[in-house]
Amino acid sequence: MGLTQASILGKHGPHPSWNLSVKAFFVQIKCELGKAYDVATAIVDAELASEVYSTAGDYDLLVKIYLDRDDDIGRFINEKVHAIPGIKDTYTIITFRAF
């Protein structure tokens, strides 16, 4: 099953950059061997992210997520992302509005 831009647009994005009621952050995901496609599909199916990319290097996936300003990023990662089978490690990158 291929991932398309239409299939990765979930309830947490995308939002216009001028929308100050949401915050964007990225999660790099290291998967168990042979599980990257399963993890990516599970993220898409659960509508957790606005974008999911396969990457080369230390991590297998890069996921862009939008949350409401009042939502707790740590709790979201812990309860929603870490619950997906096949994830070995994550690295969260919190963004700040600079422009």
PDB file of N, CA and C in Angstrom:
ATOM      1  N   MET A   1       0.846  -1.180   0.000  1.00  0.00           N
ATOM      2  CA  MET A   1       0.000   0.000   0.000  1.00  0.00           C
ATOM      3  C   MET A   1       0.885   1.233   0.000  1.00  0.00           C
ATOM      4  N   GLY A   2       0.817   2.049  -1.026  1.00  0.00           N
ATOM      5  CA  GLY A   2       1.631   3.243  -1.109  1.00  0.00           C
ATOM      6  C   GLY A   2       1.031   4.399  -0.337  1.00  0.00           C
ATOM      7  N   LEU A   3       1.892   5.239   0.171  1.00  0.00           N
ATOM      8  CA  LEU A   3       1.439   6.423   0.895  1.00  0.00           C
ATOM      9  C   LEU A   3       1.418   7.607  -0.051  1.00  0.00           C
ATOM     10  N   THR A   4       0.294   8.277  -0.132  1.00  0.00           N
ATOM     11  CA  THR A   4       0.175   9.464  -0.954  1.00  0.00           C
ATOM     12  C   THR A   4      -0.115  10.652  -0.060  1.00  0.00           C
ATOM     13  N   GLN A   5       0.061  11.850  -0.583  1.00  0.00           N
ATOM     14  CA  GLN A   5      -0.225  13.039   0.216  1.00  0.00           C
ATOM     15  C   GLN A   5      -1.676  13.041   0.676  1.00  0.00           C
ATOM     16  N   ALA A   6      -2.577  12.605  -0.168  1.00  0.00           N
ATOM     17  CA  ALA A   6      -3.989  12.575   0.210  1.00  0.00           C
ATOM     18  C   ALA A   6      -4.239  11.603   1.349  1.00  0.00           C
ATOM     19  N   SER A   7      -3.468  10.516   1.404  1.00  0.00           N
ATOM     20  CA  SER A   7      -3.701   9.517   2.440  1.00  0.00           C
ATOM     21  C   SER A   7      -3.090   9.888   3.781  1.00  0.00           C
ATOM     22  N   ILE A   8      -2.202  10.885   3.802  1.00  0.00           N
ATOM     23  CA  ILE A   8      -1.556  11.226   5.064  1.00  0.00           C
ATOM     24  C   ILE A   8      -2.123  12.467   5.717  1.00  0.00           C
ATOM     25  N   LEU A   9      -3.108  13.094   5.106  1.00  0.00           N
ATOM     26  CA  LEU A   9      -3.690  14.280   5.706  1.00  0.00           C
ATOM     27  C   LEU A   9      -4.726  13.862   6.728  1.00  0.00           C
ATOM     28  N   GLY A  10      -4.421  14.092   7.981  1.00  0.00           N
ATOM     29  CA  GLY A  10      -5.295  13.650   9.053  1.00  0.00           C
ATOM     30  C   GLY A  10      -5.952  14.797   9.779  1.00  0.00           C
ATOM     31  N   LYS A  11      -6.583  14.494  10.889  1.00  0.00           N
ATOM     32  CA  LYS A  11      -7.313  15.499  11.647  1.00  0.00           C
ATOM     33  C   LYS A  11      -6.389  16.466  12.368  1.00  0.00           C
ATOM     34  N   HIS A  12      -5.087  16.185  12.422  1.00  0.00           N
ATOM     35  CA  HIS A  12      -4.137  17.067  13.096  1.00  0.00           C
ATOM     36  C   HIS A  12      -3.364  17.934  12.102  1.00  0.00           C
ATOM     37  N   GLY A  13      -3.891  18.176  10.928  1.00  0.00           N
ATOM     38  CA  GLY A  13      -3.217  19.031   9.979  1.00  0.00           C
ATOM     39  C   GLY A  13      -3.778  18.794   8.604  1.00  0.00           C
ATOM     40  N   PRO A  14      -3.311  19.465   7.586  1.00  0.00           N
ATOM     41  CA  PRO A  14      -2.406  20.597   7.708  1.00  0.00           C
ATOM     42  C   PRO A  14      -3.159  21.857   8.092  1.00  0.00           C
ATOM     43  N   HIS A  15      -2.462  22.787   8.661  1.00  0.00           N
ATOM     44  CA  HIS A  15      -3.040  24.068   9.029  1.00  0.00           C
ATOM     45  C   HIS A  15      -2.194  25.177   8.412  1.00  0.00           C
ATOM     46  N   PRO A  16      -2.793  26.286   8.046  1.00  0.00           N
ATOM     47  CA  PRO A  16      -2.015  27.400   7.524  1.00  0.00           C
ATOM     48  C   PRO A  16      -1.027  27.896   8.572  1.00  0.00           C
ATOM     49  N   SER A  17       0.123  28.358   8.143  1.00  0.00           N
ATOM     50  CA  SER A  17       1.152  28.802   9.088  1.00  0.00           C
ATOM     51  C   SER A  17       0.705  29.987   9.919  1.00  0.00           C
ATOM     52  N   TRP A  18      -0.298  30.730   9.468  1.00  0.00           N
ATOM     53  CA  TRP A  18      -0.776  31.877  10.231  1.00  0.00           C
ATOM     54  C   TRP A  18      -1.758  31.493  11.314  1.00  0.00           C
ATOM     55  N   ASN A  19      -2.149  30.250  11.388  1.00  0.00           N
ATOM     56  CA  ASN A  19      -3.098  29.793  12.394  1.00  0.00           C
ATOM     57  C   ASN A  19      -2.373  29.637  13.726  1.00  0.00           C
ATOM     58  N   LEU A  20      -2.566  30.595  14.641  1.00  0.00           N
ATOM     59  CA  LEU A  20      -1.860  30.598  15.911  1.00  0.00           C
ATOM     60  C   LEU A  20      -2.518  29.710  16.952  1.00  0.00           C
ATOM     61  N   SER A  21      -3.626  29.063  16.627  1.00  0.00           N
ATOM     62  CA  SER A  21      -4.300  28.198  17.584  1.00  0.00           C
ATOM     63  C   SER A  21      -3.705  26.790  17.601  1.00  0.00           C
ATOM     64  N   VAL A  22      -2.757  26.512  16.700  1.00  0.00           N
ATOM     65  CA  VAL A  22      -2.118  25.203  16.655  1.00  0.00           C
ATOM     66  C   VAL A  22      -0.609  25.345  16.721  1.00  0.00           C
ATOM     67  N   LYS A  23       0.050  24.261  17.106  1.00  0.00           N
ATOM     68  CA  LYS A  23       1.507  24.222  17.108  1.00  0.00           C
ATOM     69  C   LYS A  23       1.951  23.006  16.308  1.00  0.00           C
ATOM     70  N   ALA A  24       3.038  23.175  15.583  1.00  0.00           N
ATOM     71  CA  ALA A  24       3.591  22.083  14.779  1.00  0.00           C
ATOM     72  C   ALA A  24       4.830  21.534  15.468  1.00  0.00           C
ATOM     73  N   PHE A  25       5.016  20.229  15.341  1.00  0.00           N
ATOM     74  CA  PHE A  25       6.255  19.614  15.802  1.00  0.00           C
ATOM     75  C   PHE A  25       6.525  18.387  14.942  1.00  0.00           C
ATOM     76  N   PHE A  26       7.744  17.916  14.988  1.00  0.00           N
ATOM     77  CA  PHE A  26       8.177  16.783  14.187  1.00  0.00           C
ATOM     78  C   PHE A  26       8.623  15.655  15.109  1.00  0.00           C
ATOM     79  N   VAL A  27       8.407  14.433  14.664  1.00  0.00           N
ATOM     80  CA  VAL A  27       8.883  13.271  15.400  1.00  0.00           C
ATOM     81  C   VAL A  27       9.661  12.389  14.432  1.00  0.00           C
ATOM     82  N   GLN A  28      10.922  12.121  14.785  1.00  0.00           N
ATOM     83  CA  GLN A  28      11.704  11.152  14.035  1.00  0.00           C
ATOM     84  C   GLN A  28      11.467   9.806  14.710  1.00  0.00           C
ATOM     85  N   ILE A  29      11.244   8.800  13.910  1.00  0.00           N
ATOM     86  CA  ILE A  29      10.898   7.479  14.450  1.00  0.00           C
ATOM     87  C   ILE A  29      11.873   6.429  13.939  1.00  0.00           C
ATOM     88  N   LYS A  30      12.438   5.686  14.883  1.00  0.00           N
ATOM     89  CA  LYS A  30      13.274   4.537  14.554  1.00  0.00           C
ATOM     90  C   LYS A  30      12.394   3.306  14.740  1.00  0.00           C
ATOM     91  N   CYS A  31      12.307   2.502  13.711  1.00  0.00           N
ATOM     92  CA  CYS A  31      11.427   1.331  13.740  1.00  0.00           C
ATOM     93  C   CYS A  31      12.228   0.055  13.952  1.00  0.00           C
ATOM     94  N   GLU A  32      11.543  -0.968  14.431  1.00  0.00           N
ATOM     95  CA  GLU A  32      12.146  -2.286  14.471  1.00  0.00           C
ATOM     96  C   GLU A  32      12.436  -2.705  13.025  1.00  0.00           C
ATOM     97  N   LEU A  33      13.430  -3.535  12.845  1.00  0.00           N
ATOM     98  CA  LEU A  33      13.810  -3.948  11.496  1.00  0.00           C
ATOM     99  C   LEU A  33      12.619  -4.517  10.735  1.00  0.00           C
ATOM    100  N   GLY A  34      12.424  -4.010   9.535  1.00  0.00           N
ATOM    101  CA  GLY A  34      11.360  -4.492   8.664  1.00  0.00           C
ATOM    102  C   GLY A  34       9.972  -3.963   8.994  1.00  0.00           C
ATOM    103  N   LYS A  35       9.859  -2.993   9.903  1.00  0.00           N
ATOM    104  CA  LYS A  35       8.542  -2.520  10.340  1.00  0.00           C
ATOM    105  C   LYS A  35       8.217  -1.086   9.920  1.00  0.00           C
ATOM    106  N   ALA A  36       9.077  -0.429   9.160  1.00  0.00           N
ATOM    107  CA  ALA A  36       8.865   0.983   8.819  1.00  0.00           C
ATOM    108  C   ALA A  36       7.551   1.208   8.074  1.00  0.00           C
ATOM    109  N   TYR A  37       7.235   0.355   7.114  1.00  0.00           N
ATOM    110  CA  TYR A  37       5.990   0.539   6.358  1.00  0.00           C
ATOM    111  C   TYR A  37       4.770   0.266   7.232  1.00  0.00           C
ATOM    112  N   ASP A  38       4.873  -0.708   8.116  1.00  0.00           N
ATOM    113  CA  ASP A  38       3.771  -0.996   9.034  1.00  0.00           C
ATOM    114  C   ASP A  38       3.523   0.180   9.975  1.00  0.00           C
ATOM    115  N   VAL A  39       4.598   0.753  10.501  1.00  0.00           N
ATOM    116  CA  VAL A  39       4.474   1.904  11.406  1.00  0.00           C
ATOM    117  C   VAL A  39       3.890   3.098  10.652  1.00  0.00           C
ATOM    118  N   ALA A  40       4.402   3.384   9.473  1.00  0.00           N
ATOM    119  CA  ALA A  40       3.899   4.514   8.683  1.00  0.00           C
ATOM    120  C   ALA A  40       2.410   4.336   8.373  1.00  0.00           C
ATOM    121  N   THR A  41       2.019   3.143   8.007  1.00  0.00           N
ATOM    122  CA  THR A  41       0.615   2.869   7.712  1.00  0.00           C
ATOM    123  C   THR A  41      -0.250   3.047   8.957  1.00  0.00           C
ATOM    124  N   ALA A  42       0.229   2.604  10.105  1.00  0.00           N
ATOM    125  CA  ALA A  42      -0.522   2.745  11.353  1.00  0.00           C
ATOM    126  C   ALA A  42      -0.703   4.221  11.727  1.00  0.00           C
ATOM    127  N   ILE A  43       0.320   5.029  11.501  1.00  0.00           N
ATOM    128  CA  ILE A  43       0.219   6.468  11.774  1.00  0.00           C
ATOM    129  C   ILE A  43      -0.810   7.115  10.857  1.00  0.00           C
ATOM    130  N   VAL A  44      -0.780   6.739   9.588  1.00  0.00           N
ATOM    131  CA  VAL A  44      -1.743   7.268   8.625  1.00  0.00           C
ATOM    132  C   VAL A  44      -3.157   6.812   8.974  1.00  0.00           C
ATOM    133  N   ASP A  45      -3.325   5.547   9.263  1.00  0.00           N
ATOM    134  CA  ASP A  45      -4.649   5.001   9.579  1.00  0.00           C
ATOM    135  C   ASP A  45      -5.241   5.636  10.835  1.00  0.00           C
ATOM    136  N   ALA A  46      -4.391   5.966  11.813  1.00  0.00           N
ATOM    137  CA  ALA A  46      -4.854   6.577  13.056  1.00  0.00           C
ATOM    138  C   ALA A  46      -5.041   8.091  12.921  1.00  0.00           C
ATOM    139  N   GLU A  47      -4.683   8.634  11.756  1.00  0.00           N
ATOM    140  CA  GLU A  47      -4.801  10.076  11.487  1.00  0.00           C
ATOM    141  C   GLU A  47      -4.086  10.916  12.549  1.00  0.00           C
ATOM    142  N   LEU A  48      -2.852  10.508  12.874  1.00  0.00           N
ATOM    143  CA  LEU A  48      -2.076  11.216  13.884  1.00  0.00           C
ATOM    144  C   LEU A  48      -1.273  12.374  13.322  1.00  0.00           C
ATOM    145  N   ALA A  49      -0.954  12.323  12.034  1.00  0.00           N
ATOM    146  CA  ALA A  49      -0.013  13.274  11.464  1.00  0.00           C
ATOM    147  C   ALA A  49      -0.551  13.899  10.182  1.00  0.00           C
ATOM    148  N   SER A  50       0.002  15.069   9.870  1.00  0.00           N
ATOM    149  CA  SER A  50      -0.354  15.709   8.607  1.00  0.00           C
ATOM    150  C   SER A  50       0.543  15.227   7.474  1.00  0.00           C
ATOM    151  N   GLU A  51       1.771  14.810   7.817  1.00  0.00           N
ATOM    152  CA  GLU A  51       2.714  14.336   6.802  1.00  0.00           C
ATOM    153  C   GLU A  51       3.578  13.231   7.398  1.00  0.00           C
ATOM    154  N   VAL A  52       3.901  12.230   6.579  1.00  0.00           N
ATOM    155  CA  VAL A  52       4.773  11.130   6.977  1.00  0.00           C
ATOM    156  C   VAL A  52       5.780  10.921   5.859  1.00  0.00           C
ATOM    157  N   TYR A  53       7.067  10.929   6.218  1.00  0.00           N
ATOM    158  CA  TYR A  53       8.132  10.745   5.233  1.00  0.00           C
ATOM    159  C   TYR A  53       9.036   9.598   5.651  1.00  0.00           C
ATOM    160  N   SER A  54       9.510   8.843   4.693  1.00  0.00           N
ATOM    161  CA  SER A  54      10.551   7.859   4.912  1.00  0.00           C
ATOM    162  C   SER A  54      11.884   8.585   4.808  1.00  0.00           C
ATOM    163  N   THR A  55      12.823   8.276   5.702  1.00  0.00           N
ATOM    164  CA  THR A  55      14.109   8.968   5.699  1.00  0.00           C
ATOM    165  C   THR A  55      15.261   7.966   5.739  1.00  0.00           C
ATOM    166  N   ALA A  56      16.434   8.435   5.377  1.00  0.00           N
ATOM    167  CA  ALA A  56      17.655   7.647   5.476  1.00  0.00           C
ATOM    168  C   ALA A  56      18.455   8.173   6.667  1.00  0.00           C
ATOM    169  N   GLY A  57      19.228   7.306   7.267  1.00  0.00           N
ATOM    170  CA  GLY A  57      20.046   7.732   8.396  1.00  0.00           C
ATOM    171  C   GLY A  57      19.664   7.009   9.671  1.00  0.00           C
ATOM    172  N   ASP A  58      19.795   7.700  10.796  1.00  0.00           N
ATOM    173  CA  ASP A  58      19.558   7.078  12.097  1.00  0.00           C
ATOM    174  C   ASP A  58      18.091   6.749  12.354  1.00  0.00           C
ATOM    175  N   TYR A  59      17.175   7.462  11.712  1.00  0.00           N
ATOM    176  CA  TYR A  59      15.749   7.243  11.913  1.00  0.00           C
ATOM    177  C   TYR A  59      15.107   6.843  10.587  1.00  0.00           C
ATOM    178  N   ASP A  60      13.994   6.140  10.674  1.00  0.00           N
ATOM    179  CA  ASP A  60      13.332   5.607   9.491  1.00  0.00           C
ATOM    180  C   ASP A  60      12.223   6.499   8.952  1.00  0.00           C
ATOM    181  N   LEU A  61      11.551   7.224   9.852  1.00  0.00           N
ATOM    182  CA  LEU A  61      10.418   8.059   9.468  1.00  0.00           C
ATOM    183  C   LEU A  61      10.539   9.443  10.080  1.00  0.00           C
ATOM    184  N   LEU A  62       9.993  10.428   9.363  1.00  0.00           N
ATOM    185  CA  LEU A  62       9.857  11.786   9.877  1.00  0.00           C
ATOM    186  C   LEU A  62       8.385  12.134   9.764  1.00  0.00           C
ATOM    187  N   VAL A  63       7.785  12.496  10.890  1.00  0.00           N
ATOM    188  CA  VAL A  63       6.353  12.734  10.959  1.00  0.00           C
ATOM    189  C   VAL A  63       6.110  14.170  11.414  1.00  0.00           C
ATOM    190  N   LYS A  64       5.228  14.882  10.710  1.00  0.00           N
ATOM    191  CA  LYS A  64       4.853  16.244  11.090  1.00  0.00           C
ATOM    192  C   LYS A  64       3.462  16.195  11.702  1.00  0.00           C
ATOM    193  N   ILE A  65       3.349  16.751  12.896  1.00  0.00           N
ATOM    194  CA  ILE A  65       2.098  16.699  13.641  1.00  0.00           C
ATOM    195  C   ILE A  65       1.701  18.107  14.066  1.00  0.00           C
ATOM    196  N   TYR A  66       0.417  18.390  14.003  1.00  0.00           N
ATOM    197  CA  TYR A  66      -0.147  19.635  14.525  1.00  0.00           C
ATOM    198  C   TYR A  66      -1.051  19.302  15.704  1.00  0.00           C
ATOM    199  N   LEU A  67      -0.931  20.076  16.773  1.00  0.00           N
ATOM    200  CA  LEU A  67      -1.816  19.951  17.926  1.00  0.00           C
ATOM    201  C   LEU A  67      -2.356  21.319  18.296  1.00  0.00           C
ATOM    202  N   ASP A  68      -3.476  21.331  18.983  1.00  0.00           N
ATOM    203  CA  ASP A  68      -3.969  22.589  19.539  1.00  0.00           C
ATOM    204  C   ASP A  68      -2.944  23.119  20.532  1.00  0.00           C
ATOM    205  N   ARG A  69      -2.854  24.436  20.655  1.00  0.00           N
ATOM    206  CA  ARG A  69      -1.896  25.078  21.561  1.00  0.00           C
ATOM    207  C   ARG A  69      -1.966  24.530  22.986  1.00  0.00           C
ATOM    208  N   ASP A  70      -3.151  24.164  23.439  1.00  0.00           N
ATOM    209  CA  ASP A  70      -3.322  23.723  24.820  1.00  0.00           C
ATOM    210  C   ASP A  70      -3.010  22.242  25.027  1.00  0.00           C
ATOM    211  N   ASP A  71      -2.812  21.483  23.950  1.00  0.00           N
ATOM    212  CA  ASP A  71      -2.535  20.052  24.075  1.00  0.00           C
ATOM    213  C   ASP A  71      -1.092  19.814  24.509  1.00  0.00           C
ATOM    214  N   ASP A  72      -0.875  18.772  25.274  1.00  0.00           N
ATOM    215  CA  ASP A  72       0.438  18.404  25.801  1.00  0.00           C
ATOM    216  C   ASP A  72       1.148  17.492  24.797  1.00  0.00           C
ATOM    217  N   ILE A  73       2.256  17.965  24.243  1.00  0.00           N
ATOM    218  CA  ILE A  73       3.003  17.195  23.247  1.00  0.00           C
ATOM    219  C   ILE A  73       3.513  15.886  23.845  1.00  0.00           C
ATOM    220  N   GLY A  74       4.078  15.943  25.042  1.00  0.00           N
ATOM    221  CA  GLY A  74       4.612  14.736  25.677  1.00  0.00           C
ATOM    222  C   GLY A  74       3.558  13.673  25.886  1.00  0.00           C
ATOM    223  N   ARG A  75       2.397  14.084  26.332  1.00  0.00           N
ATOM    224  CA  ARG A  75       1.300  13.134  26.545  1.00  0.00           C
ATOM    225  C   ARG A  75       0.842  12.541  25.211  1.00  0.00           C
ATOM    226  N   PHE A  76       0.762  13.384  24.166  1.00  0.00           N
ATOM    227  CA  PHE A  76       0.357  12.907  22.841  1.00  0.00           C
ATOM    228  C   PHE A  76       1.348  11.852  22.340  1.00  0.00           C
ATOM    229  N   ILE A  77       2.648  12.151  22.429  1.00  0.00           N
ATOM    230  CA  ILE A  77       3.676  11.200  21.979  1.00  0.00           C
ATOM    231  C   ILE A  77       3.568   9.899  22.769  1.00  0.00           C
ATOM    232  N   ASN A  78       3.467  10.038  24.092  1.00  0.00           N
ATOM    233  CA  ASN A  78       3.419   8.868  24.959  1.00  0.00           C
ATOM    234  C   ASN A  78       2.190   8.002  24.715  1.00  0.00           C
ATOM    235  N   GLU A  79       1.036   8.622  24.596  1.00  0.00           N
ATOM    236  CA  GLU A  79      -0.207   7.860  24.496  1.00  0.00           C
ATOM    237  C   GLU A  79      -0.588   7.455  23.077  1.00  0.00           C
ATOM    238  N   LYS A  80      -0.254   8.269  22.103  1.00  0.00           N
ATOM    239  CA  LYS A  80      -0.678   7.991  20.725  1.00  0.00           C
ATOM    240  C   LYS A  80       0.428   7.376  19.866  1.00  0.00           C
ATOM    241  N   VAL A  81       1.603   8.006  19.876  1.00  0.00           N
ATOM    242  CA  VAL A  81       2.683   7.537  18.993  1.00  0.00           C
ATOM    243  C   VAL A  81       3.353   6.288  19.554  1.00  0.00           C
ATOM    244  N   HIS A  82       3.749   6.315  20.819  1.00  0.00           N
ATOM    245  CA  HIS A  82       4.448   5.169  21.400  1.00  0.00           C
ATOM    246  C   HIS A  82       3.570   3.919  21.480  1.00  0.00           C
ATOM    247  N   ALA A  83       2.279   4.078  21.341  1.00  0.00           N
ATOM    248  CA  ALA A  83       1.364   2.933  21.381  1.00  0.00           C
ATOM    249  C   ALA A  83       1.373   2.123  20.087  1.00  0.00           C
ATOM    250  N   ILE A  84       1.998   2.645  19.052  1.00  0.00           N
ATOM    251  CA  ILE A  84       2.018   1.963  17.757  1.00  0.00           C
ATOM    252  C   ILE A  84       3.073   0.854  17.774  1.00  0.00           C
ATOM    253  N   PRO A  85       2.671  -0.374  17.476  1.00  0.00           N
ATOM    254  CA  PRO A  85       3.629  -1.488  17.451  1.00  0.00           C
ATOM    255  C   PRO A  85       4.702  -1.277  16.384  1.00  0.00           C
ATOM    256  N   GLY A  86       5.933  -1.663  16.696  1.00  0.00           N
ATOM    257  CA  GLY A  86       7.028  -1.582  15.737  1.00  0.00           C
ATOM    258  C   GLY A  86       7.916  -0.375  15.917  1.00  0.00           C
ATOM    259  N   ILE A  87       7.561   0.529  16.826  1.00  0.00           N
ATOM    260  CA  ILE A  87       8.406   1.702  17.083  1.00  0.00           C
ATOM    261  C   ILE A  87       9.451   1.331  18.126  1.00  0.00           C
ATOM    262  N   LYS A  88      10.700   1.592  17.786  1.00  0.00           N
ATOM    263  CA  LYS A  88      11.820   1.275  18.676  1.00  0.00           C
ATOM    264  C   LYS A  88      12.272   2.496  19.464  1.00  0.00           C
ATOM    265  N   ASP A  89      12.237   3.688  18.831  1.00  0.00           N
ATOM    266  CA  ASP A  89      12.729   4.905  19.472  1.00  0.00           C
ATOM    267  C   ASP A  89      12.132   6.108  18.760  1.00  0.00           C
ATOM    268  N   THR A  90      12.011   7.228  19.478  1.00  0.00           N
ATOM    269  CA  THR A  90      11.538   8.470  18.863  1.00  0.00           C
ATOM    270  C   THR A  90      12.409   9.625  19.309  1.00  0.00           C
ATOM    271  N   TYR A  91      12.415  10.667  18.500  1.00  0.00           N
ATOM    272  CA  TYR A  91      13.119  11.910  18.813  1.00  0.00           C
ATOM    273  C   TYR A  91      12.192  13.043  18.383  1.00  0.00           C
ATOM    274  N   THR A  92      11.724  13.821  19.358  1.00  0.00           N
ATOM    275  CA  THR A  92      10.754  14.865  19.083  1.00  0.00           C
ATOM    276  C   THR A  92      11.445  16.216  18.902  1.00  0.00           C
ATOM    277  N   ILE A  93      11.052  16.930  17.853  1.00  0.00           N
ATOM    278  CA  ILE A  93      11.595  18.253  17.567  1.00  0.00           C
ATOM    279  C   ILE A  93      10.441  19.241  17.677  1.00  0.00           C
ATOM    280  N   ILE A  94      10.499  20.089  18.701  1.00  0.00           N
ATOM    281  CA  ILE A  94       9.467  21.091  18.927  1.00  0.00           C
ATOM    282  C   ILE A  94       9.844  22.350  18.140  1.00  0.00           C
ATOM    283  N   THR A  95       8.878  22.929  17.447  1.00  0.00           N
ATOM    284  CA  THR A  95       9.151  24.098  16.630  1.00  0.00           C
ATOM    285  C   THR A  95       8.609  25.353  17.299  1.00  0.00           C
ATOM    286  N   PHE A  96       9.193  26.484  16.933  1.00  0.00           N
ATOM    287  CA  PHE A  96       8.776  27.791  17.418  1.00  0.00           C
ATOM    288  C   PHE A  96       8.536  28.698  16.224  1.00  0.00           C
ATOM    289  N   ARG A  97       7.543  29.503  16.321  1.00  0.00           N
ATOM    290  CA  ARG A  97       7.216  30.423  15.224  1.00  0.00           C
ATOM    291  C   ARG A  97       8.306  31.498  15.153  1.00  0.00           C
ATOM    292  N   ALA A  98       9.046  31.508  14.042  1.00  0.00           N
ATOM    293  CA  ALA A  98      10.126  32.472  13.867  1.00  0.00           C
ATOM    294  C   ALA A  98       9.800  33.510  12.796  1.00  0.00           C
ATOM    295  N   PHE A  99       8.949  33.162  11.857  1.00  0.00           N
ATOM    296  CA  PHE A  99       8.649  34.063  10.751  1.00  0.00           C
ATOM    297  C   PHE A  99       7.159  34.213  10.576  1.00  0.00           C
TER     298      PHE A  99
END
